[in-house]
PDB file of N, CA and C in Angstrom:
ATOM      1  N   MET A   1       0.949  -1.023   0.214  1.00  0.00           N
ATOM      2  CA  MET A   1       0.015  -0.100   0.377  1.00  0.00           C
ATOM      3  C   MET A   1       0.964   0.835   0.229  1.00  0.00           C
ATOM      4  N   ASP A   2       0.453   2.119  -0.705  1.00  0.00           N
ATOM      5  CA  ASP A   2       1.122   3.518  -0.648  1.00  0.00           C
ATOM      6  C   ASP A   2       1.162   4.002   0.553  1.00  0.00           C
ATOM      7  N   ARG A   3       2.152   5.072   0.818  1.00  0.00           N
ATOM      8  CA  ARG A   3       2.048   5.674   2.138  1.00  0.00           C
ATOM      9  C   ARG A   3       1.010   6.867   1.654  1.00  0.00           C
ATOM     10  N   LEU A   4       0.095   7.455   3.407  1.00  0.00           N
ATOM     11  CA  LEU A   4      -0.424   8.368   3.152  1.00  0.00           C
ATOM     12  C   LEU A   4       0.128   9.867   3.650  1.00  0.00           C
ATOM     13  N   VAL A   5      -0.454  10.647   2.492  1.00  0.00           N
ATOM     14  CA  VAL A   5      -0.118  11.991   2.551  1.00  0.00           C
ATOM     15  C   VAL A   5      -1.169  12.935   2.316  1.00  0.00           C
ATOM     16  N   GLU A   6      -0.496  14.390   3.317  1.00  0.00           N
ATOM     17  CA  GLU A   6      -2.132  14.819   4.056  1.00  0.00           C
ATOM     18  C   GLU A   6      -1.839  16.019   2.906  1.00  0.00           C
ATOM     19  N   VAL A   7      -3.314  15.928   2.008  1.00  0.00           N
ATOM     20  CA  VAL A   7      -3.401  17.019   0.729  1.00  0.00           C
ATOM     21  C   VAL A   7      -4.166  18.370   1.556  1.00  0.00           C
ATOM     22  N   TYR A   8      -4.649  17.706   2.446  1.00  0.00           N
ATOM     23  CA  TYR A   8      -5.328  19.094   3.124  1.00  0.00           C
ATOM     24  C   TYR A   8      -5.845  19.406   4.402  1.00  0.00           C
ATOM     25  N   ALA A   9      -5.771  20.510   5.169  1.00  0.00           N
ATOM     26  CA  ALA A   9      -6.431  20.782   6.420  1.00  0.00           C
ATOM     27  C   ALA A   9      -7.048  21.593   6.401  1.00  0.00           C
ATOM     28  N   ALA A  10      -8.592  20.799   7.101  1.00  0.00           N
ATOM     29  CA  ALA A  10      -9.951  21.490   6.933  1.00  0.00           C
ATOM     30  C   ALA A  10     -10.281  22.133   8.264  1.00  0.00           C
ATOM     31  N   SER A  11     -11.118  23.403   8.504  1.00  0.00           N
ATOM     32  CA  SER A  11     -11.315  24.091   9.210  1.00  0.00           C
ATOM     33  C   SER A  11     -12.204  23.654  10.489  1.00  0.00           C
ATOM     34  N   ASP A  12     -13.120  22.442   9.449  1.00  0.00           N
ATOM     35  CA  ASP A  12     -13.941  21.607  10.789  1.00  0.00           C
ATOM     36  C   ASP A  12     -14.168  20.782   9.890  1.00  0.00           C
ATOM     37  N   ILE A  13     -14.804  20.050  10.874  1.00  0.00           N
ATOM     38  CA  ILE A  13     -15.030  18.238  10.309  1.00  0.00           C
ATOM     39  C   ILE A  13     -15.935  18.170   8.944  1.00  0.00           C
ATOM     40  N   THR A  14     -17.061  19.479   9.194  1.00  0.00           N
ATOM     41  CA  THR A  14     -18.118  19.370   7.881  1.00  0.00           C
ATOM     42  C   THR A  14     -17.464  19.443   6.827  1.00  0.00           C
ATOM     43  N   LEU A  15     -16.389  20.654   6.748  1.00  0.00           N
ATOM     44  CA  LEU A  15     -15.636  20.796   5.620  1.00  0.00           C
ATOM     45  C   LEU A  15     -15.014  19.635   4.645  1.00  0.00           C
ATOM     46  N   ALA A  16     -14.394  18.860   5.992  1.00  0.00           N
ATOM     47  CA  ALA A  16     -13.342  17.587   5.760  1.00  0.00           C
ATOM     48  C   ALA A  16     -14.186  16.764   4.710  1.00  0.00           C
ATOM     49  N   TYR A  17     -15.406  16.824   5.569  1.00  0.00           N
ATOM     50  CA  TYR A  17     -16.240  15.262   5.032  1.00  0.00           C
ATOM     51  C   TYR A  17     -17.230  15.840   3.537  1.00  0.00           C
ATOM     52  N   LEU A  18     -17.093  17.327   3.134  1.00  0.00           N
ATOM     53  CA  LEU A  18     -17.457  17.563   1.644  1.00  0.00           C
ATOM     54  C   LEU A  18     -16.278  17.297   0.998  1.00  0.00           C
ATOM     55  N   ILE A  19     -15.010  17.526   1.568  1.00  0.00           N
ATOM     56  CA  ILE A  19     -14.306  17.476   0.411  1.00  0.00           C
ATOM     57  C   ILE A  19     -13.766  15.835   0.423  1.00  0.00           C
ATOM     58  N   LYS A  20     -13.795  15.246   1.490  1.00  0.00           N
ATOM     59  CA  LYS A  20     -13.659  13.539   0.985  1.00  0.00           C
ATOM     60  C   LYS A  20     -14.749  13.315   0.559  1.00  0.00           C
ATOM     61  N   ALA A  21     -16.325  13.342   0.244  1.00  0.00           N
ATOM     62  CA  ALA A  21     -17.059  13.072  -0.764  1.00  0.00           C
ATOM     63  C   ALA A  21     -16.808  13.300  -2.046  1.00  0.00           C
ATOM     64  N   HIS A  22     -16.321  14.831  -2.179  1.00  0.00           N
ATOM     65  CA  HIS A  22     -15.951  15.350  -3.822  1.00  0.00           C
ATOM     66  C   HIS A  22     -14.576  14.424  -4.210  1.00  0.00           C
ATOM     67  N   LEU A  23     -13.715  13.761  -2.958  1.00  0.00           N
ATOM     68  CA  LEU A  23     -12.786  13.105  -3.863  1.00  0.00           C
ATOM     69  C   LEU A  23     -13.238  11.516  -3.982  1.00  0.00           C
ATOM     70  N   GLU A  24     -13.547  11.114  -3.056  1.00  0.00           N
ATOM     71  CA  GLU A  24     -14.349   9.865  -3.415  1.00  0.00           C
ATOM     72  C   GLU A  24     -15.518   9.682  -4.687  1.00  0.00           C
ATOM     73  N   ASP A  25     -16.145  10.492  -4.865  1.00  0.00           N
ATOM     74  CA  ASP A  25     -16.659  10.540  -6.033  1.00  0.00           C
ATOM     75  C   ASP A  25     -15.657  10.667  -6.891  1.00  0.00           C
ATOM     76  N   ALA A  26     -14.631  11.212  -7.018  1.00  0.00           N
ATOM     77  CA  ALA A  26     -13.507  11.056  -8.148  1.00  0.00           C
ATOM     78  C   ALA A  26     -12.417   9.699  -8.326  1.00  0.00           C
ATOM     79  N   GLY A  27     -13.408   8.747  -7.252  1.00  0.00           N
ATOM     80  CA  GLY A  27     -12.235   7.547  -7.088  1.00  0.00           C
ATOM     81  C   GLY A  27     -11.279   7.382  -6.632  1.00  0.00           C
ATOM     82  N   ILE A  28     -10.778   8.648  -5.643  1.00  0.00           N
ATOM     83  CA  ILE A  28      -9.825   8.830  -4.701  1.00  0.00           C
ATOM     84  C   ILE A  28      -9.842   8.370  -3.288  1.00  0.00           C
ATOM     85  N   PRO A  29      -9.851   7.161  -2.877  1.00  0.00           N
ATOM     86  CA  PRO A  29      -9.963   6.710  -1.375  1.00  0.00           C
ATOM     87  C   PRO A  29      -9.184   7.873  -0.166  1.00  0.00           C
ATOM     88  N   VAL A  30     -10.081   8.169   0.652  1.00  0.00           N
ATOM     89  CA  VAL A  30      -9.524   9.109   1.710  1.00  0.00           C
ATOM     90  C   VAL A  30      -9.784   8.428   2.900  1.00  0.00           C
ATOM     91  N   GLN A  31      -9.007   9.620   4.030  1.00  0.00           N
ATOM     92  CA  GLN A  31      -9.344   9.204   5.585  1.00  0.00           C
ATOM     93  C   GLN A  31      -8.850  10.718   5.825  1.00  0.00           C
ATOM     94  N   ILE A  32      -9.705  10.548   6.878  1.00  0.00           N
ATOM     95  CA  ILE A  32      -9.749  11.464   7.843  1.00  0.00           C
ATOM     96  C   ILE A  32      -9.129  11.668   9.176  1.00  0.00           C
ATOM     97  N   ALA A  33      -7.940  12.428   9.339  1.00  0.00           N
ATOM     98  CA  ALA A  33      -7.107  12.498  10.689  1.00  0.00           C
ATOM     99  C   ALA A  33      -7.667  13.282  11.627  1.00  0.00           C
ATOM    100  N   ASN A  34      -7.676  12.697  12.807  1.00  0.00           N
ATOM    101  CA  ASN A  34      -8.029  13.807  13.683  1.00  0.00           C
ATOM    102  C   ASN A  34      -9.790  14.254  14.271  1.00  0.00           C
ATOM    103  N   GLU A  35     -10.145  13.095  13.033  1.00  0.00           N
ATOM    104  CA  GLU A  35     -12.071  13.552  12.780  1.00  0.00           C
ATOM    105  C   GLU A  35     -12.585  13.671  14.470  1.00  0.00           C
ATOM    106  N   ASN A  36     -12.342  12.645  15.143  1.00  0.00           N
ATOM    107  CA  ASN A  36     -13.089  12.974  16.298  1.00  0.00           C
ATOM    108  C   ASN A  36     -12.475  13.906  17.242  1.00  0.00           C
ATOM    109  N   VAL A  37     -11.234  13.804  17.432  1.00  0.00           N
ATOM    110  CA  VAL A  37     -10.609  14.326  18.624  1.00  0.00           C
ATOM    111  C   VAL A  37     -10.914  16.061  18.260  1.00  0.00           C
ATOM    112  N   SER A  38     -10.716  16.831  16.930  1.00  0.00           N
ATOM    113  CA  SER A  38     -11.261  18.268  16.742  1.00  0.00           C
ATOM    114  C   SER A  38     -12.536  18.115  17.070  1.00  0.00           C
ATOM    115  N   ALA A  39     -13.201  17.523  17.348  1.00  0.00           N
ATOM    116  CA  ALA A  39     -14.916  17.680  17.384  1.00  0.00           C
ATOM    117  C   ALA A  39     -14.760  17.703  19.076  1.00  0.00           C
ATOM    118  N   ALA A  40     -13.778  17.083  19.711  1.00  0.00           N
ATOM    119  CA  ALA A  40     -14.152  16.870  21.151  1.00  0.00           C
ATOM    120  C   ALA A  40     -13.436  17.548  21.988  1.00  0.00           C
ATOM    121  N   TYR A  41     -11.826  18.129  21.599  1.00  0.00           N
ATOM    122  CA  TYR A  41     -11.445  19.028  22.017  1.00  0.00           C
ATOM    123  C   TYR A  41     -11.017  20.127  21.095  1.00  0.00           C
ATOM    124  N   CYS A  42     -10.750  21.351  21.972  1.00  0.00           N
ATOM    125  CA  CYS A  42      -9.977  22.616  20.872  1.00  0.00           C
ATOM    126  C   CYS A  42      -8.530  22.571  21.276  1.00  0.00           C
ATOM    127  N   ILE A  43      -7.923  22.177  20.515  1.00  0.00           N
ATOM    128  CA  ILE A  43      -6.533  21.873  21.116  1.00  0.00           C
ATOM    129  C   ILE A  43      -5.818  22.038  19.522  1.00  0.00           C
ATOM    130  N   ASP A  44      -4.722  23.503  19.198  1.00  0.00           N
ATOM    131  CA  ASP A  44      -4.264  24.188  18.366  1.00  0.00           C
ATOM    132  C   ASP A  44      -3.892  22.823  17.658  1.00  0.00           C
ATOM    133  N   GLY A  45      -4.018  23.037  16.276  1.00  0.00           N
ATOM    134  CA  GLY A  45      -3.469  22.015  15.319  1.00  0.00           C
ATOM    135  C   GLY A  45      -4.051  20.931  15.091  1.00  0.00           C
ATOM    136  N   MET A  46      -5.175  20.553  15.949  1.00  0.00           N
ATOM    137  CA  MET A  46      -5.571  19.459  15.904  1.00  0.00           C
ATOM    138  C   MET A  46      -7.010  19.545  15.021  1.00  0.00           C
ATOM    139  N   VAL A  47      -6.827  19.914  13.618  1.00  0.00           N
ATOM    140  CA  VAL A  47      -8.111  20.191  13.045  1.00  0.00           C
ATOM    141  C   VAL A  47      -7.935  18.884  12.170  1.00  0.00           C
ATOM    142  N   PRO A  48      -9.240  18.513  11.596  1.00  0.00           N
ATOM    143  CA  PRO A  48      -9.145  17.261  10.919  1.00  0.00           C
ATOM    144  C   PRO A  48      -8.249  17.537   9.018  1.00  0.00           C
ATOM    145  N   ARG A  49      -7.651  16.608   9.116  1.00  0.00           N
ATOM    146  CA  ARG A  49      -6.592  16.517   7.667  1.00  0.00           C
ATOM    147  C   ARG A  49      -7.085  15.534   6.875  1.00  0.00           C
ATOM    148  N   ILE A  50      -7.305  15.537   5.679  1.00  0.00           N
ATOM    149  CA  ILE A  50      -7.364  15.081   4.283  1.00  0.00           C
ATOM    150  C   ILE A  50      -6.268  14.301   3.867  1.00  0.00           C
ATOM    151  N   LEU A  51      -5.914  12.689   4.200  1.00  0.00           N
ATOM    152  CA  LEU A  51      -4.855  12.014   3.766  1.00  0.00           C
ATOM    153  C   LEU A  51      -5.267  11.007   2.623  1.00  0.00           C
ATOM    154  N   VAL A  52      -4.351  10.956   1.411  1.00  0.00           N
ATOM    155  CA  VAL A  52      -4.294  10.670   0.401  1.00  0.00           C
ATOM    156  C   VAL A  52      -3.512   9.631  -0.046  1.00  0.00           C
ATOM    157  N   SER A  53      -3.829   8.512  -0.441  1.00  0.00           N
ATOM    158  CA  SER A  53      -2.170   7.998  -0.748  1.00  0.00           C
ATOM    159  C   SER A  53      -1.480   8.659  -1.579  1.00  0.00           C
ATOM    160  N   ALA A  54      -0.071   8.821  -1.236  1.00  0.00           N
ATOM    161  CA  ALA A  54       0.511   9.425  -2.626  1.00  0.00           C
ATOM    162  C   ALA A  54       0.208   9.810  -3.607  1.00  0.00           C
ATOM    163  N   CYS A  55      -0.146   8.140  -4.435  1.00  0.00           N
ATOM    164  CA  CYS A  55      -0.301   8.300  -6.090  1.00  0.00           C
ATOM    165  C   CYS A  55      -1.378   9.099  -6.254  1.00  0.00           C
ATOM    166  N   HIS A  56      -2.035   9.126  -5.397  1.00  0.00           N
ATOM    167  CA  HIS A  56      -3.247   9.884  -5.563  1.00  0.00           C
ATOM    168  C   HIS A  56      -3.019  11.482  -5.472  1.00  0.00           C
ATOM    169  N   ALA A  57      -2.063  11.916  -4.736  1.00  0.00           N
ATOM    170  CA  ALA A  57      -1.810  12.990  -3.717  1.00  0.00           C
ATOM    171  C   ALA A  57      -2.265  14.429  -5.289  1.00  0.00           C
ATOM    172  N   GLU A  58      -1.103  14.471  -5.904  1.00  0.00           N
ATOM    173  CA  GLU A  58      -1.673  15.569  -6.803  1.00  0.00           C
ATOM    174  C   GLU A  58      -2.988  15.887  -7.735  1.00  0.00           C
ATOM    175  N   ASP A  59      -3.572  14.475  -7.870  1.00  0.00           N
ATOM    176  CA  ASP A  59      -5.295  14.477  -8.520  1.00  0.00           C
ATOM    177  C   ASP A  59      -5.942  15.348  -7.635  1.00  0.00           C
ATOM    178  N   ALA A  60      -5.451  14.848  -6.425  1.00  0.00           N
ATOM    179  CA  ALA A  60      -6.593  15.651  -4.718  1.00  0.00           C
ATOM    180  C   ALA A  60      -6.425  16.930  -4.735  1.00  0.00           C
ATOM    181  N   ARG A  61      -5.372  17.024  -5.014  1.00  0.00           N
ATOM    182  CA  ARG A  61      -5.034  18.812  -4.760  1.00  0.00           C
ATOM    183  C   ARG A  61      -5.407  19.703  -5.880  1.00  0.00           C
ATOM    184  N   GLU A  62      -5.672  18.779  -7.265  1.00  0.00           N
ATOM    185  CA  GLU A  62      -6.012  19.646  -8.215  1.00  0.00           C
ATOM    186  C   GLU A  62      -7.964  19.796  -8.209  1.00  0.00           C
ATOM    187  N   ILE A  63      -8.267  18.756  -7.324  1.00  0.00           N
ATOM    188  CA  ILE A  63      -9.599  18.706  -6.757  1.00  0.00           C
ATOM    189  C   ILE A  63     -10.062  19.726  -6.032  1.00  0.00           C
ATOM    190  N   ILE A  64      -9.512  19.495  -4.739  1.00  0.00           N
ATOM    191  CA  ILE A  64      -9.475  20.574  -3.871  1.00  0.00           C
ATOM    192  C   ILE A  64      -9.565  22.309  -4.272  1.00  0.00           C
ATOM    193  N   ALA A  65      -8.836  22.149  -5.197  1.00  0.00           N
ATOM    194  CA  ALA A  65      -8.114  23.988  -5.865  1.00  0.00           C
ATOM    195  C   ALA A  65      -9.737  23.847  -6.524  1.00  0.00           C
ATOM    196  N   GLU A  66     -10.239  23.497  -6.954  1.00  0.00           N
ATOM    197  CA  GLU A  66     -11.435  23.232  -7.888  1.00  0.00           C
ATOM    198  C   GLU A  66     -12.676  23.589  -7.232  1.00  0.00           C
ATOM    199  N   ILE A  67     -12.806  22.738  -6.105  1.00  0.00           N
ATOM    200  CA  ILE A  67     -13.900  22.925  -4.891  1.00  0.00           C
ATOM    201  C   ILE A  67     -13.623  24.308  -4.434  1.00  0.00           C
ATOM    202  N   GLN A  68     -12.480  24.775  -3.997  1.00  0.00           N
ATOM    203  CA  GLN A  68     -12.419  25.880  -3.481  1.00  0.00           C
ATOM    204  C   GLN A  68     -12.089  27.285  -4.774  1.00  0.00           C
ATOM    205  N   SER A  69     -11.982  27.446  -5.521  1.00  0.00           N
ATOM    206  CA  SER A  69     -12.156  28.309  -6.679  1.00  0.00           C
ATOM    207  C   SER A  69     -13.695  29.112  -7.090  1.00  0.00           C
ATOM    208  N   PRO A  70     -13.580  30.026  -6.699  1.00  0.00           N
ATOM    209  CA  PRO A  70     -14.797  30.479  -7.154  1.00  0.00           C
ATOM    210  C   PRO A  70     -15.487  29.816  -8.807  1.00  0.00           C
ATOM    211  N   SER A  71     -16.229  30.041  -8.928  1.00  0.00           N
ATOM    212  CA  SER A  71     -17.018  30.014 -10.690  1.00  0.00           C
ATOM    213  C   SER A  71     -18.179  30.380 -10.881  1.00  0.00           C
ATOM    214  N   ARG A  72     -18.242  30.825 -12.135  1.00  0.00           N
ATOM    215  CA  ARG A  72     -19.731  31.209 -12.674  1.00  0.00           C
ATOM    216  C   ARG A  72     -20.567  30.541 -13.394  1.00  0.00           C
ATOM    217  N   THR A  73     -21.199  30.738 -13.012  1.00  0.00           N
ATOM    218  CA  THR A  73     -22.258  29.455 -13.934  1.00  0.00           C
ATOM    219  C   THR A  73     -23.210  30.343 -14.825  1.00  0.00           C
ATOM    220  N   ASP A  74     -23.990  29.156 -15.395  1.00  0.00           N
ATOM    221  CA  ASP A  74     -24.623  30.085 -16.577  1.00  0.00           C
ATOM    222  C   ASP A  74     -26.065  30.829 -15.939  1.00  0.00           C
ATOM    223  N   GLU A  75     -26.618  30.234 -14.289  1.00  0.00           N
ATOM    224  CA  GLU A  75     -27.264  30.787 -14.419  1.00  0.00           C
ATOM    225  C   GLU A  75     -26.823  32.507 -13.784  1.00  0.00           C
ATOM    226  N   ASP A  76     -25.515  32.594 -13.469  1.00  0.00           N
ATOM    227  CA  ASP A  76     -24.662  33.739 -13.427  1.00  0.00           C
ATOM    228  C   ASP A  76     -24.715  34.556 -14.189  1.00  0.00           C
ATOM    229  N   ASP A  77     -24.175  34.192 -15.423  1.00  0.00           N
ATOM    230  CA  ASP A  77     -24.447  34.896 -16.643  1.00  0.00           C
ATOM    231  C   ASP A  77     -25.899  35.359 -17.322  1.00  0.00           C
ATOM    232  N   ASP A  78     -26.743  34.613 -16.944  1.00  0.00           N
ATOM    233  CA  ASP A  78     -28.488  34.618 -17.315  1.00  0.00           C
ATOM    234  C   ASP A  78     -28.421  36.371 -16.264  1.00  0.00           C
ATOM    235  N   PHE A  79     -28.441  36.104 -15.197  1.00  0.00           N
ATOM    236  CA  PHE A  79     -28.386  37.275 -13.954  1.00  0.00           C
ATOM    237  C   PHE A  79     -28.238  38.555 -14.703  1.00  0.00           C
ATOM    238  N   ASP A  80     -26.728  38.539 -14.633  1.00  0.00           N
ATOM    239  CA  ASP A  80     -25.889  39.318 -15.606  1.00  0.00           C
ATOM    240  C   ASP A  80     -26.913  40.386 -16.390  1.00  0.00           C
ATOM    241  N   ASP A  81     -27.171  39.359 -17.500  1.00  0.00           N
ATOM    242  CA  ASP A  81     -27.596  39.632 -18.520  1.00  0.00           C
ATOM    243  C   ASP A  81     -28.929  40.463 -18.536  1.00  0.00           C
ATOM    244  N   MET A  82     -29.617  39.888 -17.246  1.00  0.00           N
ATOM    245  CA  MET A  82     -31.272  40.567 -16.773  1.00  0.00           C
ATOM    246  C   MET A  82     -31.061  42.066 -16.277  1.00  0.00           C
ATOM    247  N   ALA A  83     -29.602  41.694 -15.277  1.00  0.00           N
ATOM    248  CA  ALA A  83     -29.066  43.475 -15.157  1.00  0.00           C
ATOM    249  C   ALA A  83     -28.994  44.421 -15.597  1.00  0.00           C
ATOM    250  N   GLY A  84     -28.293  44.070 -16.710  1.00  0.00           N
ATOM    251  CA  GLY A  84     -27.333  44.959 -17.867  1.00  0.00           C
ATOM    252  C   GLY A  84     -26.316  44.920 -17.295  1.00  0.00           C
ATOM    253  N   LEU A  85     -25.916  43.644 -16.711  1.00  0.00           N
ATOM    254  CA  LEU A  85     -24.633  43.741 -16.647  1.00  0.00           C
ATOM    255  C   LEU A  85     -23.405  42.979 -17.330  1.00  0.00           C
ATOM    256  N   ASP A  86     -24.079  42.911 -19.117  1.00  0.00           N
ATOM    257  CA  ASP A  86     -23.147  42.718 -19.883  1.00  0.00           C
ATOM    258  C   ASP A  86     -21.994  42.718 -20.141  1.00  0.00           C
ATOM    259  N   ASP A  87     -20.759  41.804 -20.481  1.00  0.00           N
ATOM    260  CA  ASP A  87     -19.476  42.269 -20.765  1.00  0.00           C
ATOM    261  C   ASP A  87     -19.727  43.110 -22.141  1.00  0.00           C
ATOM    262  N   SER A  88     -20.353  43.070 -22.832  1.00  0.00           N
ATOM    263  CA  SER A  88     -20.302  43.021 -24.614  1.00  0.00           C
ATOM    264  C   SER A  88     -20.746  44.962 -24.673  1.00  0.00           C
ATOM    265  N   GLU A  89     -19.840  45.509 -25.953  1.00  0.00           N
ATOM    266  CA  GLU A  89     -19.939  46.930 -25.923  1.00  0.00           C
ATOM    267  C   GLU A  89     -21.544  47.149 -25.820  1.00  0.00           C
ATOM    268  N   PRO A  90     -21.819  48.480 -25.733  1.00  0.00           N
ATOM    269  CA  PRO A  90     -23.058  49.058 -25.882  1.00  0.00           C
ATOM    270  C   PRO A  90     -23.234  48.989 -27.204  1.00  0.00           C
TER     271      PRO A  90
END
């Protein structure tokens, strides 16, 4: 088995599980370290940590970056059009 590496330190357990779900949907097995300790105790540095096999680390980091980056949807563009915020020239 490949060694586990940390790809993300979540601010809370809810975010950790959200990221875990996205990674598992992409076929990447995930473990969450400190998931019970962080909920029970308020100790600095004891945040939920997302761990994946080293062979999946790069893909996992790319997926996490996509989750964290703001994105525009078609609905946003439709709203901009209705609000007169169209980027096209007048």
